[in-house]
Amino acid sequence: MADQGKGMSETQQQQLFKAFQKGERGLHGEKTTGLGLTIVKRIIEALGGTITVQSKEGSGTTFTVRLPTVPPDLTSSET
């Protein structure tokens, strides 16, 4: 998924998937918990995938999600 928004700095990108890190408020001033992308990343990784972000200030942001065609066995007792 990509947008043509204002993009993010390197510092913002490094903090993006950390719990309770809050970015700027959305267009409508929504309040956030700072957990959304942390949860998304954990779900994707639990399915054996990855999520990455590429962004440049003033040029928008691209998120790339890669998932395996066959997810790992989630019923395994290994933790």
C-alpha atoms as a PDB file:
ATOM      1  CA  MET A   1       0.000   0.000   0.000  1.00  0.00           C
ATOM      2  CA  ALA A   2       1.354   3.418  -0.886  1.00  0.00           C
ATOM      3  CA  ASP A   3       0.225   6.989  -0.434  1.00  0.00           C
ATOM      4  CA  GLN A   4       1.319  10.365  -1.678  1.00  0.00           C
ATOM      5  CA  GLY A   5       1.231  12.009   1.750  1.00  0.00           C
ATOM      6  CA  LYS A   6       3.932  14.018   3.432  1.00  0.00           C
ATOM      7  CA  GLY A   7       6.078  10.990   4.290  1.00  0.00           C
ATOM      8  CA  MET A   8       8.084  10.235   7.427  1.00  0.00           C
ATOM      9  CA  SER A   9      11.561  10.970   8.688  1.00  0.00           C
ATOM     10  CA  GLU A  10      14.072   8.177   9.361  1.00  0.00           C
ATOM     11  CA  THR A  11      13.478   8.649  13.095  1.00  0.00           C
ATOM     12  CA  GLN A  12       9.717   8.237  12.688  1.00  0.00           C
ATOM     13  CA  GLN A  13      10.213   5.088  10.605  1.00  0.00           C
ATOM     14  CA  GLN A  14      12.492   3.542  13.246  1.00  0.00           C
ATOM     15  CA  GLN A  15       9.835   4.075  15.932  1.00  0.00           C
ATOM     16  CA  LEU A  16       6.842   3.130  13.804  1.00  0.00           C
ATOM     17  CA  PHE A  17       6.311  -0.480  14.939  1.00  0.00           C
ATOM     18  CA  LYS A  18       7.163   0.060  18.631  1.00  0.00           C
ATOM     19  CA  ALA A  19       4.326  -0.160  21.141  1.00  0.00           C
ATOM     20  CA  PHE A  20       2.797   3.099  22.330  1.00  0.00           C
ATOM     21  CA  GLN A  21       4.638   5.221  19.752  1.00  0.00           C
ATOM     22  CA  LYS A  22       2.185   7.786  18.521  1.00  0.00           C
ATOM     23  CA  GLY A  23       2.576   9.575  15.231  1.00  0.00           C
ATOM     24  CA  GLU A  24       0.803  12.713  14.225  1.00  0.00           C
ATOM     25  CA  ARG A  25      -2.944  12.735  14.552  1.00  0.00           C
ATOM     26  CA  GLY A  26      -4.967  11.905  11.483  1.00  0.00           C
ATOM     27  CA  LEU A  27      -6.903  14.314   9.337  1.00  0.00           C
ATOM     28  CA  HIS A  28      -9.780  14.371  11.790  1.00  0.00           C
ATOM     29  CA  GLY A  29      -7.701  14.656  15.002  1.00  0.00           C
ATOM     30  CA  GLU A  30      -8.269  11.046  16.046  1.00  0.00           C
ATOM     31  CA  LYS A  31      -6.795   9.942  19.347  1.00  0.00           C
ATOM     32  CA  THR A  32      -4.625   6.840  19.140  1.00  0.00           C
ATOM     33  CA  THR A  33      -3.149   4.280  21.512  1.00  0.00           C
ATOM     34  CA  GLY A  34       0.024   3.737  19.518  1.00  0.00           C
ATOM     35  CA  LEU A  35      -0.663  -0.002  19.272  1.00  0.00           C
ATOM     36  CA  GLY A  36      -2.140  -0.443  15.788  1.00  0.00           C
ATOM     37  CA  LEU A  37       1.006  -1.070  13.751  1.00  0.00           C
ATOM     38  CA  THR A  38       2.595  -3.027  16.604  1.00  0.00           C
ATOM     39  CA  ILE A  39      -0.352  -5.445  16.559  1.00  0.00           C
ATOM     40  CA  VAL A  40      -0.356  -5.634  12.752  1.00  0.00           C
ATOM     41  CA  LYS A  41       3.369  -6.465  12.720  1.00  0.00           C
ATOM     42  CA  ARG A  42       2.958  -9.201  15.345  1.00  0.00           C
ATOM     43  CA  ILE A  43       0.092 -10.820  13.436  1.00  0.00           C
ATOM     44  CA  ILE A  44       2.015 -10.748  10.152  1.00  0.00           C
ATOM     45  CA  GLU A  45       5.130 -12.214  11.814  1.00  0.00           C
ATOM     46  CA  ALA A  46       3.033 -14.925  13.519  1.00  0.00           C
ATOM     47  CA  LEU A  47       1.905 -15.932  10.037  1.00  0.00           C
ATOM     48  CA  GLY A  48       5.537 -16.157   8.923  1.00  0.00           C
ATOM     49  CA  GLY A  49       5.526 -12.875   7.039  1.00  0.00           C
ATOM     50  CA  THR A  50       7.168  -9.477   7.129  1.00  0.00           C
ATOM     51  CA  ILE A  51       6.060  -5.860   6.956  1.00  0.00           C
ATOM     52  CA  THR A  52       8.385  -3.058   5.901  1.00  0.00           C
ATOM     53  CA  VAL A  53       8.038   0.671   5.388  1.00  0.00           C
ATOM     54  CA  GLN A  54       9.741   2.963   2.913  1.00  0.00           C
ATOM     55  CA  SER A  55       9.175   6.666   3.229  1.00  0.00           C
ATOM     56  CA  LYS A  56      10.764   9.955   2.393  1.00  0.00           C
ATOM     57  CA  GLU A  57       9.605  13.263   3.772  1.00  0.00           C
ATOM     58  CA  GLY A  58       7.552  15.041   1.148  1.00  0.00           C
ATOM     59  CA  SER A  59       7.187  11.921  -1.035  1.00  0.00           C
ATOM     60  CA  GLY A  60       4.694   9.630   0.671  1.00  0.00           C
ATOM     61  CA  THR A  61       4.998   6.230   2.298  1.00  0.00           C
ATOM     62  CA  THR A  62       4.881   2.635   1.081  1.00  0.00           C
ATOM     63  CA  PHE A  63       4.127  -0.350   3.304  1.00  0.00           C
ATOM     64  CA  THR A  64       5.028  -3.781   1.942  1.00  0.00           C
ATOM     65  CA  VAL A  65       3.542  -6.935   3.458  1.00  0.00           C
ATOM     66  CA  ARG A  66       4.911 -10.329   2.448  1.00  0.00           C
ATOM     67  CA  LEU A  67       3.169 -13.515   3.540  1.00  0.00           C
ATOM     68  CA  PRO A  68       4.149 -17.099   2.759  1.00  0.00           C
ATOM     69  CA  THR A  69       1.826 -19.098   0.529  1.00  0.00           C
ATOM     70  CA  VAL A  70       1.665 -21.729   3.269  1.00  0.00           C
ATOM     71  CA  PRO A  71       1.539 -20.196   6.780  1.00  0.00           C
ATOM     72  CA  PRO A  72       3.430 -21.854   9.635  1.00  0.00           C
ATOM     73  CA  ASP A  73       1.626 -24.358  11.845  1.00  0.00           C
ATOM     74  CA  LEU A  74       0.005 -22.095  14.434  1.00  0.00           C
ATOM     75  CA  THR A  75      -1.135 -25.053  16.531  1.00  0.00           C
ATOM     76  CA  SER A  76       2.429 -26.046  17.355  1.00  0.00           C
ATOM     77  CA  SER A  77       3.232 -26.140  21.069  1.00  0.00           C
ATOM     78  CA  GLU A  78       6.631 -24.489  20.461  1.00  0.00           C
ATOM     79  CA  THR A  79       6.791 -20.969  21.906  1.00  0.00           C
END
